Amino acid sequence: MVHTSNFVKVKCPDCQNEQVAFKRPATPVTCHVCGSTLIKPKGGNGTVKGQLLEVVD
């Protein structure tokens, strides 16, 4: 059985904050601390701009 998750943990490239976000966003996902864009929507899986740390189950 393949288990896929809809969430990822991303590290902000500007302030190093780590947060969990939806990997297929309809709007840009921004950092809760500094406001930098972490994931840009792309019609499916978003483009991760920060460092992808892990896929969250």
Protein backbone atom coordinates (compact mmCIF):
# COMPACT_ATOMS: atom_id res chain seq x y z
CA MET A 1 0.00 0.00 0.00
CA VAL A 2 1.36 3.40 -1.00
CA HIS A 3 0.71 6.09 1.57
CA THR A 4 0.80 9.63 0.24
CA SER A 5 0.55 12.73 2.34
CA ASN A 6 -0.87 16.11 1.45
CA PHE A 7 1.39 17.98 3.86
CA VAL A 8 5.10 18.81 3.96
CA LYS A 9 7.42 20.44 6.49
CA VAL A 10 9.29 23.36 4.93
CA LYS A 11 12.16 25.46 6.30
CA CYS A 12 12.05 29.18 5.47
CA PRO A 13 15.14 30.31 3.50
CA ASP A 14 15.09 33.74 5.18
CA CYS A 15 14.45 33.15 8.91
CA GLN A 16 14.93 29.34 9.24
CA ASN A 17 11.41 28.89 10.68
CA GLU A 18 9.98 25.40 10.11
CA GLN A 19 6.29 24.95 9.40
CA VAL A 20 3.90 22.37 8.03
CA ALA A 21 2.02 23.34 4.87
CA PHE A 22 -0.34 21.84 2.29
CA LYS A 23 1.73 20.67 -0.68
CA ARG A 24 -0.96 21.47 -3.27
CA PRO A 25 -1.94 25.05 -2.35
CA ALA A 26 -4.38 27.22 -4.30
CA THR A 27 -2.70 30.39 -3.00
CA PRO A 28 0.93 31.09 -2.06
CA VAL A 29 2.00 29.73 1.34
CA THR A 30 3.95 32.29 3.36
CA CYS A 31 6.14 32.00 6.45
CA HIS A 32 4.28 32.75 9.69
CA VAL A 33 7.33 34.56 11.09
CA CYS A 34 8.76 36.73 8.28
CA GLY A 35 6.16 36.50 5.49
CA SER A 36 8.52 35.02 2.87
CA THR A 37 6.92 32.78 0.23
CA LEU A 38 7.48 29.10 1.01
CA ILE A 39 5.32 27.36 -1.62
CA LYS A 40 3.95 28.83 -4.86
CA PRO A 41 0.83 27.25 -6.42
CA LYS A 42 1.44 25.50 -9.75
CA GLY A 43 -1.75 23.63 -10.70
CA GLY A 44 -1.00 20.49 -8.71
CA ASN A 45 1.94 20.12 -6.36
CA GLY A 46 3.26 23.57 -5.56
CA THR A 47 6.80 24.78 -6.15
CA VAL A 48 8.68 24.70 -2.83
CA LYS A 49 10.85 27.82 -2.42
CA GLY A 50 12.19 26.88 1.02
CA GLN A 51 13.99 23.71 2.05
CA LEU A 52 11.77 20.61 2.04
CA LEU A 53 12.47 18.83 5.33
CA GLU A 54 9.98 15.97 5.32
CA VAL A 55 6.64 14.66 4.14
CA VAL A 56 4.24 14.66 7.10
CA ASP A 57 1.92 11.66 7.53
